[in-house]
Amino acid sequence: MIVVTTESVPGKKIVKTLGLVRGNTTRARHIGRDIMAGLKNIVGGEITEYTKLMAESREQALDRMSAEAKRLGANAVVGARFTTSFISAGAAELLVFGTAVVVEDA
């Protein structure tokens, strides 16, 4: 599955537009990660526990969006965008969305 943030895929032409697709995940912080993050706040630096959590969330959301696009018969998603919203203290939703399309070599 080709996923791009642009409105077209270089070297390809869009032959069919199938519609909006999306994937999301909602994650809560983990107490063990919060303890490590608290220590990082004291000494400074990247909070790798949260970086890893967000990377896993992005991949899961992308996988879900790609699966929805495949179910529609797409082989690409154009205009992909990410957004994050806070659900409650300690929990956030990560959403990715785009347009499912069928592309062929130009």
N, C-alpha and C. Protein backbone atom coordinates (compact mmCIF):
# COMPACT_ATOMS: atom_id res chain seq x y z
N MET A 1 0.85 -1.18 0.00
CA MET A 1 0.00 0.00 0.00
C MET A 1 0.89 1.23 0.00
N ILE A 2 0.66 2.11 -0.95
CA ILE A 2 1.37 3.38 -1.01
C ILE A 2 0.58 4.39 -0.20
N VAL A 3 1.23 5.07 0.74
CA VAL A 3 0.60 6.11 1.54
C VAL A 3 1.46 7.36 1.42
N VAL A 4 0.85 8.45 0.92
CA VAL A 4 1.60 9.70 0.75
C VAL A 4 0.80 10.87 1.34
N THR A 5 1.51 11.92 1.70
CA THR A 5 0.86 13.12 2.21
C THR A 5 0.49 14.07 1.08
N THR A 6 0.99 13.82 -0.10
CA THR A 6 0.71 14.66 -1.26
C THR A 6 -0.62 14.25 -1.89
N GLU A 7 -1.07 15.05 -2.84
CA GLU A 7 -2.35 14.77 -3.49
C GLU A 7 -2.21 13.84 -4.69
N SER A 8 -0.98 13.45 -5.00
CA SER A 8 -0.73 12.52 -6.09
C SER A 8 0.50 11.68 -5.73
N VAL A 9 0.70 10.61 -6.50
CA VAL A 9 1.85 9.73 -6.30
C VAL A 9 2.78 9.94 -7.50
N PRO A 10 4.00 10.38 -7.26
CA PRO A 10 4.92 10.60 -8.38
C PRO A 10 5.07 9.35 -9.25
N GLY A 11 4.97 9.53 -10.58
CA GLY A 11 5.10 8.42 -11.51
C GLY A 11 3.85 7.58 -11.67
N LYS A 12 2.78 7.96 -11.00
CA LYS A 12 1.52 7.21 -11.06
C LYS A 12 0.39 8.17 -11.44
N LYS A 13 -0.68 7.61 -11.98
CA LYS A 13 -1.88 8.41 -12.21
C LYS A 13 -3.03 7.78 -11.45
N ILE A 14 -3.86 8.63 -10.89
CA ILE A 14 -5.03 8.16 -10.16
C ILE A 14 -6.11 7.83 -11.18
N VAL A 15 -6.56 6.56 -11.16
CA VAL A 15 -7.58 6.13 -12.11
C VAL A 15 -8.95 5.98 -11.45
N LYS A 16 -8.97 5.94 -10.13
CA LYS A 16 -10.24 5.81 -9.43
C LYS A 16 -10.08 6.33 -8.01
N THR A 17 -11.05 7.11 -7.57
CA THR A 17 -11.08 7.61 -6.20
C THR A 17 -12.16 6.85 -5.46
N LEU A 18 -11.80 6.26 -4.32
CA LEU A 18 -12.72 5.40 -3.58
C LEU A 18 -13.30 6.06 -2.33
N GLY A 19 -12.70 7.14 -1.88
CA GLY A 19 -13.26 7.86 -0.74
C GLY A 19 -12.36 7.92 0.48
N LEU A 20 -12.90 8.53 1.51
CA LEU A 20 -12.20 8.76 2.76
C LEU A 20 -11.94 7.44 3.50
N VAL A 21 -10.73 7.31 4.00
CA VAL A 21 -10.38 6.18 4.87
C VAL A 21 -9.69 6.72 6.10
N ARG A 22 -9.79 5.99 7.18
CA ARG A 22 -9.18 6.45 8.42
C ARG A 22 -8.80 5.27 9.30
N GLY A 23 -7.90 5.56 10.19
CA GLY A 23 -7.50 4.58 11.20
C GLY A 23 -7.21 5.34 12.47
N ASN A 24 -7.57 4.78 13.59
CA ASN A 24 -7.30 5.48 14.85
C ASN A 24 -6.97 4.50 15.95
N THR A 25 -6.40 5.05 16.99
CA THR A 25 -6.14 4.28 18.20
C THR A 25 -6.19 5.26 19.37
N THR A 26 -6.63 4.78 20.49
CA THR A 26 -6.63 5.59 21.71
C THR A 26 -5.73 4.89 22.71
N ARG A 27 -4.79 5.63 23.23
CA ARG A 27 -3.82 5.05 24.15
C ARG A 27 -3.80 5.81 25.47
N ALA A 28 -3.55 5.08 26.53
CA ALA A 28 -3.39 5.67 27.86
C ALA A 28 -1.95 5.51 28.29
N ARG A 29 -1.52 6.45 29.09
CA ARG A 29 -0.16 6.35 29.63
C ARG A 29 -0.07 5.17 30.59
N HIS A 30 1.12 4.67 30.78
CA HIS A 30 1.39 3.53 31.65
C HIS A 30 2.13 4.05 32.88
N ILE A 31 1.75 3.60 34.06
CA ILE A 31 2.35 4.09 35.30
C ILE A 31 3.87 3.95 35.30
N GLY A 32 4.38 2.84 34.77
CA GLY A 32 5.83 2.66 34.71
C GLY A 32 6.49 3.70 33.82
N ARG A 33 5.86 4.00 32.69
CA ARG A 33 6.38 5.03 31.80
C ARG A 33 6.30 6.40 32.45
N ASP A 34 5.23 6.64 33.23
CA ASP A 34 5.09 7.93 33.90
C ASP A 34 6.20 8.16 34.91
N ILE A 35 6.60 7.11 35.60
CA ILE A 35 7.69 7.23 36.57
C ILE A 35 8.98 7.61 35.85
N MET A 36 9.27 6.92 34.75
CA MET A 36 10.49 7.23 33.98
C MET A 36 10.42 8.64 33.40
N ALA A 37 9.24 9.04 32.93
CA ALA A 37 9.07 10.38 32.37
C ALA A 37 9.29 11.44 33.46
N GLY A 38 8.81 11.16 34.66
CA GLY A 38 9.01 12.10 35.77
C GLY A 38 10.47 12.30 36.07
N LEU A 39 11.23 11.22 36.00
CA LEU A 39 12.67 11.34 36.22
C LEU A 39 13.33 12.14 35.11
N LYS A 40 12.89 11.95 33.87
CA LYS A 40 13.44 12.71 32.74
C LYS A 40 13.13 14.19 32.89
N ASN A 41 11.98 14.53 33.46
CA ASN A 41 11.62 15.93 33.65
C ASN A 41 12.60 16.62 34.59
N ILE A 42 13.17 15.86 35.49
CA ILE A 42 14.12 16.43 36.44
C ILE A 42 15.46 16.69 35.77
N VAL A 43 15.95 15.73 34.98
CA VAL A 43 17.28 15.85 34.38
C VAL A 43 17.25 16.37 32.96
N GLY A 44 16.09 16.37 32.32
CA GLY A 44 15.97 16.86 30.95
C GLY A 44 16.24 15.78 29.93
N GLY A 45 15.92 16.06 28.68
CA GLY A 45 16.16 15.12 27.59
C GLY A 45 14.87 14.52 27.06
N GLU A 46 15.04 13.72 26.04
CA GLU A 46 13.90 13.09 25.40
C GLU A 46 13.26 12.06 26.32
N ILE A 47 11.95 12.03 26.33
CA ILE A 47 11.21 11.03 27.10
C ILE A 47 10.94 9.87 26.16
N THR A 48 11.89 8.96 26.08
CA THR A 48 11.85 7.89 25.09
C THR A 48 10.65 6.96 25.28
N GLU A 49 10.17 6.82 26.51
CA GLU A 49 9.01 5.97 26.76
C GLU A 49 7.78 6.51 26.02
N TYR A 50 7.59 7.82 26.04
CA TYR A 50 6.46 8.42 25.33
C TYR A 50 6.70 8.45 23.83
N THR A 51 7.95 8.65 23.42
CA THR A 51 8.27 8.62 21.99
C THR A 51 7.92 7.27 21.41
N LYS A 52 8.27 6.20 22.12
CA LYS A 52 7.96 4.85 21.67
C LYS A 52 6.45 4.62 21.63
N LEU A 53 5.74 5.09 22.65
CA LEU A 53 4.28 4.93 22.71
C LEU A 53 3.62 5.62 21.51
N MET A 54 4.06 6.83 21.18
CA MET A 54 3.47 7.56 20.06
C MET A 54 3.83 6.90 18.73
N ALA A 55 5.05 6.40 18.58
CA ALA A 55 5.45 5.71 17.35
C ALA A 55 4.60 4.46 17.14
N GLU A 56 4.38 3.69 18.20
CA GLU A 56 3.53 2.50 18.10
C GLU A 56 2.10 2.89 17.73
N SER A 57 1.61 3.97 18.30
CA SER A 57 0.25 4.44 18.00
C SER A 57 0.13 4.86 16.55
N ARG A 58 1.12 5.59 16.02
CA ARG A 58 1.09 6.00 14.62
C ARG A 58 1.07 4.79 13.70
N GLU A 59 1.91 3.80 13.98
CA GLU A 59 1.96 2.60 13.13
C GLU A 59 0.63 1.85 13.16
N GLN A 60 0.03 1.73 14.34
CA GLN A 60 -1.25 1.03 14.45
C GLN A 60 -2.33 1.78 13.68
N ALA A 61 -2.38 3.09 13.80
CA ALA A 61 -3.37 3.88 13.07
C ALA A 61 -3.16 3.76 11.56
N LEU A 62 -1.90 3.82 11.11
CA LEU A 62 -1.60 3.65 9.68
C LEU A 62 -2.02 2.27 9.19
N ASP A 63 -1.74 1.25 9.97
CA ASP A 63 -2.14 -0.11 9.59
C ASP A 63 -3.65 -0.22 9.45
N ARG A 64 -4.39 0.39 10.36
CA ARG A 64 -5.84 0.33 10.31
C ARG A 64 -6.39 1.10 9.10
N MET A 65 -5.79 2.25 8.79
CA MET A 65 -6.22 3.01 7.62
C MET A 65 -5.92 2.23 6.34
N SER A 66 -4.74 1.65 6.26
CA SER A 66 -4.36 0.87 5.08
C SER A 66 -5.28 -0.33 4.89
N ALA A 67 -5.65 -0.97 5.97
CA ALA A 67 -6.57 -2.12 5.90
C ALA A 67 -7.93 -1.69 5.37
N GLU A 68 -8.41 -0.53 5.82
CA GLU A 68 -9.70 -0.03 5.33
C GLU A 68 -9.61 0.28 3.84
N ALA A 69 -8.49 0.88 3.42
CA ALA A 69 -8.31 1.20 2.00
C ALA A 69 -8.26 -0.08 1.16
N LYS A 70 -7.59 -1.10 1.64
CA LYS A 70 -7.52 -2.37 0.91
C LYS A 70 -8.90 -2.99 0.78
N ARG A 71 -9.72 -2.92 1.83
CA ARG A 71 -11.08 -3.45 1.78
C ARG A 71 -11.91 -2.77 0.68
N LEU A 72 -11.61 -1.51 0.41
CA LEU A 72 -12.31 -0.77 -0.65
C LEU A 72 -11.75 -1.07 -2.03
N GLY A 73 -10.60 -1.76 -2.09
CA GLY A 73 -9.97 -2.07 -3.37
C GLY A 73 -8.89 -1.10 -3.78
N ALA A 74 -8.44 -0.27 -2.87
CA ALA A 74 -7.40 0.72 -3.17
C ALA A 74 -6.01 0.10 -3.14
N ASN A 75 -5.09 0.73 -3.86
CA ASN A 75 -3.69 0.34 -3.75
C ASN A 75 -2.83 1.52 -3.29
N ALA A 76 -3.49 2.65 -2.95
CA ALA A 76 -2.78 3.82 -2.44
C ALA A 76 -3.73 4.70 -1.64
N VAL A 77 -3.14 5.53 -0.78
CA VAL A 77 -3.88 6.55 -0.04
C VAL A 77 -3.13 7.86 -0.26
N VAL A 78 -3.84 8.88 -0.73
CA VAL A 78 -3.23 10.19 -0.93
C VAL A 78 -3.78 11.17 0.10
N GLY A 79 -3.02 12.25 0.32
CA GLY A 79 -3.45 13.28 1.25
C GLY A 79 -3.51 12.83 2.70
N ALA A 80 -2.66 11.91 3.10
CA ALA A 80 -2.69 11.38 4.46
C ALA A 80 -2.31 12.47 5.47
N ARG A 81 -3.07 12.53 6.55
CA ARG A 81 -2.83 13.49 7.61
C ARG A 81 -3.03 12.81 8.97
N PHE A 82 -2.24 13.28 9.95
CA PHE A 82 -2.37 12.81 11.32
C PHE A 82 -2.96 13.91 12.19
N THR A 83 -3.73 13.51 13.17
CA THR A 83 -4.20 14.45 14.18
C THR A 83 -4.26 13.72 15.51
N THR A 84 -4.09 14.47 16.57
CA THR A 84 -4.14 13.91 17.92
C THR A 84 -5.10 14.73 18.75
N SER A 85 -5.89 14.06 19.57
CA SER A 85 -6.78 14.77 20.49
C SER A 85 -6.71 14.10 21.85
N PHE A 86 -6.88 14.88 22.87
CA PHE A 86 -6.85 14.35 24.22
C PHE A 86 -8.25 13.92 24.62
N ILE A 87 -8.36 12.70 25.10
CA ILE A 87 -9.63 12.13 25.52
C ILE A 87 -9.88 12.45 26.99
N SER A 88 -8.85 12.23 27.81
CA SER A 88 -8.91 12.52 29.24
C SER A 88 -7.48 12.67 29.72
N ALA A 89 -7.33 13.01 30.98
CA ALA A 89 -5.98 13.12 31.53
C ALA A 89 -5.29 11.77 31.39
N GLY A 90 -4.20 11.75 30.66
CA GLY A 90 -3.44 10.52 30.51
C GLY A 90 -3.83 9.67 29.32
N ALA A 91 -4.83 10.08 28.52
CA ALA A 91 -5.24 9.29 27.36
C ALA A 91 -5.42 10.21 26.15
N ALA A 92 -4.98 9.72 24.99
CA ALA A 92 -5.10 10.50 23.76
C ALA A 92 -5.47 9.60 22.60
N GLU A 93 -6.16 10.19 21.63
CA GLU A 93 -6.49 9.49 20.40
C GLU A 93 -5.58 9.99 19.30
N LEU A 94 -5.07 9.07 18.51
CA LEU A 94 -4.30 9.43 17.33
C LEU A 94 -5.10 8.95 16.13
N LEU A 95 -5.35 9.85 15.19
CA LEU A 95 -6.15 9.56 14.01
C LEU A 95 -5.34 9.88 12.76
N VAL A 96 -5.39 8.99 11.79
CA VAL A 96 -4.81 9.26 10.46
C VAL A 96 -5.93 9.08 9.45
N PHE A 97 -5.95 9.97 8.45
CA PHE A 97 -6.99 9.89 7.44
C PHE A 97 -6.44 10.33 6.10
N GLY A 98 -7.10 9.88 5.04
CA GLY A 98 -6.68 10.23 3.68
C GLY A 98 -7.73 9.75 2.71
N THR A 99 -7.40 9.84 1.42
CA THR A 99 -8.31 9.42 0.36
C THR A 99 -7.79 8.15 -0.29
N ALA A 100 -8.60 7.10 -0.28
CA ALA A 100 -8.24 5.83 -0.90
C ALA A 100 -8.40 5.98 -2.41
N VAL A 101 -7.38 5.54 -3.15
CA VAL A 101 -7.40 5.64 -4.61
C VAL A 101 -6.79 4.38 -5.23
N VAL A 102 -7.06 4.23 -6.52
CA VAL A 102 -6.39 3.21 -7.32
C VAL A 102 -5.47 3.97 -8.25
N VAL A 103 -4.19 3.59 -8.24
CA VAL A 103 -3.20 4.24 -9.10
C VAL A 103 -2.62 3.22 -10.06
N GLU A 104 -2.18 3.72 -11.21
CA GLU A 104 -1.47 2.92 -12.22
C GLU A 104 -0.24 3.68 -12.65
N ASP A 105 0.71 2.97 -13.25
CA ASP A 105 1.89 3.66 -13.78
C ASP A 105 1.46 4.69 -14.82
N ALA A 106 2.12 5.84 -14.75
CA ALA A 106 1.78 6.93 -15.69
C ALA A 106 2.33 6.64 -17.07
